Amino acid sequence: MKNSQLQAVACCGGYELPVERLMAVSPRIHEMTRLWTKAQPAVAAYIASMVIDFSVRDDILQDVAVAIVDSFDEFDSSRPFLPWALGVARNHIRNYLRRRNRDRHVFNSEAMQNVAQAIATVAEEESCRFRFLQECLAALPDHSRQLCEMRYVGGLLPMAISDRTDQPANTVAKTLQRIRERLRECIERRLSLSEG
């Protein structure tokens, strides 16, 4: 198979792009892929908050992904990626709503901007919470971390965990409850330190 016949699937919801096109962006393709993978759920949530029709949402998300691939060279890497990606999505949503002018429930630009800012803020907070959760889990004693892994990674119920650990199911459930509380406090403490 000739190189010109090869197709590569970019991080665009399955949209196929020629290898040559991806190779031309090669120095930054890994950065774009990493940033888009992280931002995509927030962009999808933003689109879902503005567009009711599921199939249209998917089309807009795919169009946004393609636009991001096409215009990634214009992205200033010294600035946050998510607000830029949300701006691209906002433009695509605005174009869709203009084409679909008969709907009286069209959001104005200010409302769209406010929703985009809220989603970016929530995405950043969730990213911090997840990072802090990982740090707090790492700080747990081995036994507590193993219980968490059995319960939340392995999907085992307290009864099944009790069979493996030779502890009563009630003890396992209470221990997990204490661990969850300890993790919550640890995350909140780290959040307050990062804000202050």
C-alpha atoms as a PDB file:
ATOM      1  CA  MET A   1       0.000   0.000   0.000  1.00  0.00           C
ATOM      2  CA  LYS A   2       1.398   3.385  -1.000  1.00  0.00           C
ATOM      3  CA  ASN A   3       1.917   6.037   1.650  1.00  0.00           C
ATOM      4  CA  SER A   4      -0.542   8.301  -0.194  1.00  0.00           C
ATOM      5  CA  GLN A   5      -3.218   5.638   0.211  1.00  0.00           C
ATOM      6  CA  LEU A   6      -2.720   5.303   3.939  1.00  0.00           C
ATOM      7  CA  GLN A   7      -5.345   6.844   6.163  1.00  0.00           C
ATOM      8  CA  ALA A   8      -4.924   7.723   9.822  1.00  0.00           C
ATOM      9  CA  VAL A   9      -7.681   8.339  12.274  1.00  0.00           C
ATOM     10  CA  ALA A  10      -7.042  11.562  14.123  1.00  0.00           C
ATOM     11  CA  CYS A  11      -8.531  12.417  17.485  1.00  0.00           C
ATOM     12  CA  CYS A  12     -11.616  13.734  15.741  1.00  0.00           C
ATOM     13  CA  GLY A  13     -14.390  11.334  16.646  1.00  0.00           C
ATOM     14  CA  GLY A  14     -13.307   8.871  13.964  1.00  0.00           C
ATOM     15  CA  TYR A  15     -12.851  11.443  11.177  1.00  0.00           C
ATOM     16  CA  GLU A  16     -10.198  10.147   8.789  1.00  0.00           C
ATOM     17  CA  LEU A  17      -7.361  12.412   7.729  1.00  0.00           C
ATOM     18  CA  PRO A  18      -4.585  11.633   5.224  1.00  0.00           C
ATOM     19  CA  VAL A  19      -1.285  10.697   6.796  1.00  0.00           C
ATOM     20  CA  GLU A  20       0.449  13.519   4.904  1.00  0.00           C
ATOM     21  CA  ARG A  21      -1.822  16.060   6.552  1.00  0.00           C
ATOM     22  CA  LEU A  22      -1.070  14.653   9.996  1.00  0.00           C
ATOM     23  CA  MET A  23       2.655  14.429   9.290  1.00  0.00           C
ATOM     24  CA  ALA A  24       2.714  18.104   8.285  1.00  0.00           C
ATOM     25  CA  VAL A  25       1.520  18.955  11.795  1.00  0.00           C
ATOM     26  CA  SER A  26       3.793  16.310  13.306  1.00  0.00           C
ATOM     27  CA  PRO A  27       5.903  18.507  15.606  1.00  0.00           C
ATOM     28  CA  ARG A  28       2.796  19.495  17.550  1.00  0.00           C
ATOM     29  CA  ILE A  29       0.479  16.541  16.858  1.00  0.00           C
ATOM     30  CA  HIS A  30       1.215  14.887  20.203  1.00  0.00           C
ATOM     31  CA  GLU A  31       0.534  18.131  22.038  1.00  0.00           C
ATOM     32  CA  MET A  32      -2.721  18.639  20.140  1.00  0.00           C
ATOM     33  CA  THR A  33      -3.834  15.064  20.771  1.00  0.00           C
ATOM     34  CA  ARG A  34      -3.101  15.330  24.487  1.00  0.00           C
ATOM     35  CA  LEU A  35      -4.857  18.685  24.834  1.00  0.00           C
ATOM     36  CA  TRP A  36      -7.884  17.635  22.762  1.00  0.00           C
ATOM     37  CA  THR A  37      -8.266  14.337  24.631  1.00  0.00           C
ATOM     38  CA  LYS A  38      -8.345  16.235  27.903  1.00  0.00           C
ATOM     39  CA  ALA A  39     -10.673  19.005  26.643  1.00  0.00           C
ATOM     40  CA  GLN A  40     -13.068  16.894  24.556  1.00  0.00           C
ATOM     41  CA  PRO A  41     -15.477  15.943  27.384  1.00  0.00           C
ATOM     42  CA  ALA A  42     -15.867  19.600  28.410  1.00  0.00           C
ATOM     43  CA  VAL A  43     -16.357  20.675  24.782  1.00  0.00           C
ATOM     44  CA  ALA A  44     -18.948  17.920  24.333  1.00  0.00           C
ATOM     45  CA  ALA A  45     -20.749  19.065  27.500  1.00  0.00           C
ATOM     46  CA  TYR A  46     -20.741  22.653  26.248  1.00  0.00           C
ATOM     47  CA  ILE A  47     -22.209  21.602  22.905  1.00  0.00           C
ATOM     48  CA  ALA A  48     -24.818  19.459  24.695  1.00  0.00           C
ATOM     49  CA  SER A  49     -25.837  22.455  26.812  1.00  0.00           C
ATOM     50  CA  MET A  50     -26.555  24.473  23.669  1.00  0.00           C
ATOM     51  CA  VAL A  51     -27.902  21.911  21.180  1.00  0.00           C
ATOM     52  CA  ILE A  52     -30.800  19.563  21.877  1.00  0.00           C
ATOM     53  CA  ASP A  53     -30.556  17.161  18.913  1.00  0.00           C
ATOM     54  CA  PHE A  54     -28.134  14.277  19.652  1.00  0.00           C
ATOM     55  CA  SER A  55     -27.069  13.733  16.048  1.00  0.00           C
ATOM     56  CA  VAL A  56     -26.451  17.453  15.546  1.00  0.00           C
ATOM     57  CA  ARG A  57     -24.341  17.466  18.730  1.00  0.00           C
ATOM     58  CA  ASP A  58     -22.161  14.693  17.336  1.00  0.00           C
ATOM     59  CA  ASP A  59     -21.831  16.489  13.995  1.00  0.00           C
ATOM     60  CA  ILE A  60     -20.839  19.744  15.683  1.00  0.00           C
ATOM     61  CA  LEU A  61     -18.333  17.962  17.947  1.00  0.00           C
ATOM     62  CA  GLN A  62     -16.767  16.294  14.925  1.00  0.00           C
ATOM     63  CA  ASP A  63     -16.670  19.616  13.035  1.00  0.00           C
ATOM     64  CA  VAL A  64     -15.040  21.279  16.050  1.00  0.00           C
ATOM     65  CA  ALA A  65     -12.412  18.522  16.248  1.00  0.00           C
ATOM     66  CA  VAL A  66     -11.610  18.924  12.545  1.00  0.00           C
ATOM     67  CA  ALA A  67     -11.445  22.718  12.937  1.00  0.00           C
ATOM     68  CA  ILE A  68      -9.049  22.306  15.860  1.00  0.00           C
ATOM     69  CA  VAL A  69      -6.808  20.022  13.792  1.00  0.00           C
ATOM     70  CA  ASP A  70      -6.933  22.499  10.890  1.00  0.00           C
ATOM     71  CA  SER A  71      -6.223  25.584  12.987  1.00  0.00           C
ATOM     72  CA  PHE A  72      -3.977  24.178  15.714  1.00  0.00           C
ATOM     73  CA  ASP A  73      -0.987  26.105  14.342  1.00  0.00           C
ATOM     74  CA  GLU A  74      -2.850  29.292  15.316  1.00  0.00           C
ATOM     75  CA  PHE A  75      -3.167  28.131  18.935  1.00  0.00           C
ATOM     76  CA  ASP A  76      -0.874  29.988  21.329  1.00  0.00           C
ATOM     77  CA  SER A  77       0.538  27.242  23.572  1.00  0.00           C
ATOM     78  CA  SER A  78       1.314  29.781  26.293  1.00  0.00           C
ATOM     79  CA  ARG A  79      -2.436  30.130  26.869  1.00  0.00           C
ATOM     80  CA  PRO A  80      -4.942  27.531  28.158  1.00  0.00           C
ATOM     81  CA  PHE A  81      -6.264  25.179  25.504  1.00  0.00           C
ATOM     82  CA  LEU A  82      -9.787  24.603  26.857  1.00  0.00           C
ATOM     83  CA  PRO A  83     -11.038  28.200  26.483  1.00  0.00           C
ATOM     84  CA  TRP A  84      -9.660  28.244  22.930  1.00  0.00           C
ATOM     85  CA  ALA A  85     -11.390  24.943  22.092  1.00  0.00           C
ATOM     86  CA  LEU A  86     -14.627  26.224  23.647  1.00  0.00           C
ATOM     87  CA  GLY A  87     -14.325  29.339  21.467  1.00  0.00           C
ATOM     88  CA  VAL A  88     -14.059  27.142  18.370  1.00  0.00           C
ATOM     89  CA  ALA A  89     -17.119  25.207  19.562  1.00  0.00           C
ATOM     90  CA  ARG A  90     -19.000  28.446  20.279  1.00  0.00           C
ATOM     91  CA  ASN A  91     -18.403  29.604  16.691  1.00  0.00           C
ATOM     92  CA  HIS A  92     -19.664  26.308  15.287  1.00  0.00           C
ATOM     93  CA  ILE A  93     -22.738  26.376  17.527  1.00  0.00           C
ATOM     94  CA  ARG A  94     -23.448  29.990  16.566  1.00  0.00           C
ATOM     95  CA  ASN A  95     -23.245  29.060  12.866  1.00  0.00           C
ATOM     96  CA  TYR A  96     -25.558  26.095  13.417  1.00  0.00           C
ATOM     97  CA  LEU A  97     -28.086  28.240  15.295  1.00  0.00           C
ATOM     98  CA  ARG A  98     -28.000  30.900  12.565  1.00  0.00           C
ATOM     99  CA  ARG A  99     -28.738  28.263   9.933  1.00  0.00           C
ATOM    100  CA  ARG A 100     -31.547  26.988  12.102  1.00  0.00           C
ATOM    101  CA  ASN A 101     -33.001  30.462  12.628  1.00  0.00           C
ATOM    102  CA  ARG A 102     -36.602  29.276  12.929  1.00  0.00           C
ATOM    103  CA  ASP A 103     -35.978  28.129  16.530  1.00  0.00           C
ATOM    104  CA  ARG A 104     -36.975  30.883  18.949  1.00  0.00           C
ATOM    105  CA  HIS A 105     -34.748  29.471  21.725  1.00  0.00           C
ATOM    106  CA  VAL A 106     -31.479  30.769  20.349  1.00  0.00           C
ATOM    107  CA  PHE A 107     -28.848  31.716  22.917  1.00  0.00           C
ATOM    108  CA  ASN A 108     -27.186  35.088  22.609  1.00  0.00           C
ATOM    109  CA  SER A 109     -23.407  35.385  22.515  1.00  0.00           C
ATOM    110  CA  GLU A 110     -23.151  36.501  26.142  1.00  0.00           C
ATOM    111  CA  ALA A 111     -25.099  33.474  27.385  1.00  0.00           C
ATOM    112  CA  MET A 112     -22.937  31.174  25.275  1.00  0.00           C
ATOM    113  CA  GLN A 113     -19.784  32.816  26.674  1.00  0.00           C
ATOM    114  CA  ASN A 114     -21.052  32.430  30.261  1.00  0.00           C
ATOM    115  CA  VAL A 115     -21.788  28.726  29.758  1.00  0.00           C
ATOM    116  CA  ALA A 116     -18.359  28.194  28.173  1.00  0.00           C
ATOM    117  CA  GLN A 117     -16.649  29.902  31.124  1.00  0.00           C
ATOM    118  CA  ALA A 118     -18.652  27.831  33.616  1.00  0.00           C
ATOM    119  CA  ILE A 119     -17.744  24.581  31.849  1.00  0.00           C
ATOM    120  CA  ALA A 120     -14.062  25.553  31.693  1.00  0.00           C
ATOM    121  CA  THR A 121     -14.102  26.336  35.424  1.00  0.00           C
ATOM    122  CA  VAL A 122     -15.833  23.068  36.320  1.00  0.00           C
ATOM    123  CA  ALA A 123     -13.460  21.069  34.097  1.00  0.00           C
ATOM    124  CA  GLU A 124     -10.443  22.673  35.787  1.00  0.00           C
ATOM    125  CA  GLU A 125     -11.883  22.015  39.264  1.00  0.00           C
ATOM    126  CA  GLU A 126     -12.594  18.384  38.400  1.00  0.00           C
ATOM    127  CA  SER A 127      -9.081  17.991  37.032  1.00  0.00           C
ATOM    128  CA  CYS A 128      -7.678  19.335  40.326  1.00  0.00           C
ATOM    129  CA  ARG A 129      -9.977  17.096  42.370  1.00  0.00           C
ATOM    130  CA  PHE A 130      -8.911  14.038  40.375  1.00  0.00           C
ATOM    131  CA  ARG A 131      -5.211  14.892  40.788  1.00  0.00           C
ATOM    132  CA  PHE A 132      -5.725  15.422  44.523  1.00  0.00           C
ATOM    133  CA  LEU A 133      -7.651  12.136  44.772  1.00  0.00           C
ATOM    134  CA  GLN A 134      -4.695  10.324  43.212  1.00  0.00           C
ATOM    135  CA  GLU A 135      -2.310  11.995  45.662  1.00  0.00           C
ATOM    136  CA  CYS A 136      -4.552  11.206  48.638  1.00  0.00           C
ATOM    137  CA  LEU A 137      -4.941   7.578  47.539  1.00  0.00           C
ATOM    138  CA  ALA A 138      -1.168   7.265  47.284  1.00  0.00           C
ATOM    139  CA  ALA A 139      -0.862   8.544  50.862  1.00  0.00           C
ATOM    140  CA  LEU A 140      -3.194   5.850  52.249  1.00  0.00           C
ATOM    141  CA  PRO A 141      -1.733   2.855  54.082  1.00  0.00           C
ATOM    142  CA  ASP A 142      -1.344  -0.206  51.848  1.00  0.00           C
ATOM    143  CA  HIS A 143      -4.253  -2.073  53.459  1.00  0.00           C
ATOM    144  CA  SER A 144      -6.646   0.855  52.922  1.00  0.00           C
ATOM    145  CA  ARG A 145      -5.500   1.333  49.328  1.00  0.00           C
ATOM    146  CA  GLN A 146      -5.985  -2.398  48.649  1.00  0.00           C
ATOM    147  CA  LEU A 147      -9.529  -2.244  50.034  1.00  0.00           C
ATOM    148  CA  CYS A 148     -10.259   0.724  47.749  1.00  0.00           C
ATOM    149  CA  GLU A 149      -8.846  -1.120  44.748  1.00  0.00           C
ATOM    150  CA  MET A 150     -10.935  -4.219  45.484  1.00  0.00           C
ATOM    151  CA  ARG A 151     -14.087  -2.130  45.897  1.00  0.00           C
ATOM    152  CA  TYR A 152     -13.761   0.580  43.242  1.00  0.00           C
ATOM    153  CA  VAL A 153     -11.413  -0.896  40.646  1.00  0.00           C
ATOM    154  CA  GLY A 154     -12.421  -4.533  41.035  1.00  0.00           C
ATOM    155  CA  GLY A 155     -16.089  -3.730  41.651  1.00  0.00           C
ATOM    156  CA  LEU A 156     -16.307  -6.121  44.602  1.00  0.00           C
ATOM    157  CA  LEU A 157     -19.033  -5.656  47.200  1.00  0.00           C
ATOM    158  CA  PRO A 158     -18.136  -5.665  50.924  1.00  0.00           C
ATOM    159  CA  MET A 159     -19.302  -9.296  51.233  1.00  0.00           C
ATOM    160  CA  ALA A 160     -16.887 -10.452  48.508  1.00  0.00           C
ATOM    161  CA  ILE A 161     -14.083  -8.362  50.018  1.00  0.00           C
ATOM    162  CA  SER A 162     -14.772  -9.908  53.427  1.00  0.00           C
ATOM    163  CA  ASP A 163     -14.319 -13.372  51.903  1.00  0.00           C
ATOM    164  CA  ARG A 164     -10.902 -12.351  50.562  1.00  0.00           C
ATOM    165  CA  THR A 165      -9.721 -10.522  53.689  1.00  0.00           C
ATOM    166  CA  ASP A 166     -11.286 -12.710  56.392  1.00  0.00           C
ATOM    167  CA  GLN A 167     -13.001  -9.654  57.896  1.00  0.00           C
ATOM    168  CA  PRO A 168     -16.740  -9.400  58.582  1.00  0.00           C
ATOM    169  CA  ALA A 169     -18.658  -7.623  55.782  1.00  0.00           C
ATOM    170  CA  ASN A 170     -19.841  -4.942  58.238  1.00  0.00           C
ATOM    171  CA  THR A 171     -16.241  -4.207  59.218  1.00  0.00           C
ATOM    172  CA  VAL A 172     -15.265  -3.902  55.552  1.00  0.00           C
ATOM    173  CA  ALA A 173     -18.200  -1.548  54.875  1.00  0.00           C
ATOM    174  CA  LYS A 174     -17.365   0.645  57.891  1.00  0.00           C
ATOM    175  CA  THR A 175     -13.675   0.708  56.962  1.00  0.00           C
ATOM    176  CA  LEU A 176     -14.532   1.770  53.400  1.00  0.00           C
ATOM    177  CA  GLN A 177     -16.795   4.489  54.793  1.00  0.00           C
ATOM    178  CA  ARG A 178     -13.945   5.802  56.970  1.00  0.00           C
ATOM    179  CA  ILE A 179     -11.544   5.686  54.010  1.00  0.00           C
ATOM    180  CA  ARG A 180     -13.986   7.658  51.836  1.00  0.00           C
ATOM    181  CA  GLU A 181     -14.337  10.269  54.582  1.00  0.00           C
ATOM    182  CA  ARG A 182     -10.560  10.458  54.961  1.00  0.00           C
ATOM    183  CA  LEU A 183     -10.138  10.888  51.190  1.00  0.00           C
ATOM    184  CA  ARG A 184     -12.826  13.595  51.091  1.00  0.00           C
ATOM    185  CA  GLU A 185     -11.111  15.512  53.900  1.00  0.00           C
ATOM    186  CA  CYS A 186      -7.715  15.120  52.225  1.00  0.00           C
ATOM    187  CA  ILE A 187      -9.056  16.434  48.893  1.00  0.00           C
ATOM    188  CA  GLU A 188     -10.828  19.370  50.554  1.00  0.00           C
ATOM    189  CA  ARG A 189      -7.689  20.241  52.516  1.00  0.00           C
ATOM    190  CA  ARG A 190      -5.582  20.232  49.345  1.00  0.00           C
ATOM    191  CA  LEU A 191      -8.203  22.293  47.498  1.00  0.00           C
ATOM    192  CA  SER A 192      -8.257  24.922  50.232  1.00  0.00           C
ATOM    193  CA  LEU A 193      -4.442  25.067  50.238  1.00  0.00           C
ATOM    194  CA  SER A 194      -4.346  25.479  46.453  1.00  0.00           C
ATOM    195  CA  GLU A 195      -6.940  28.283  46.548  1.00  0.00           C
ATOM    196  CA  GLY A 196      -5.382  30.171  49.452  1.00  0.00           C
END
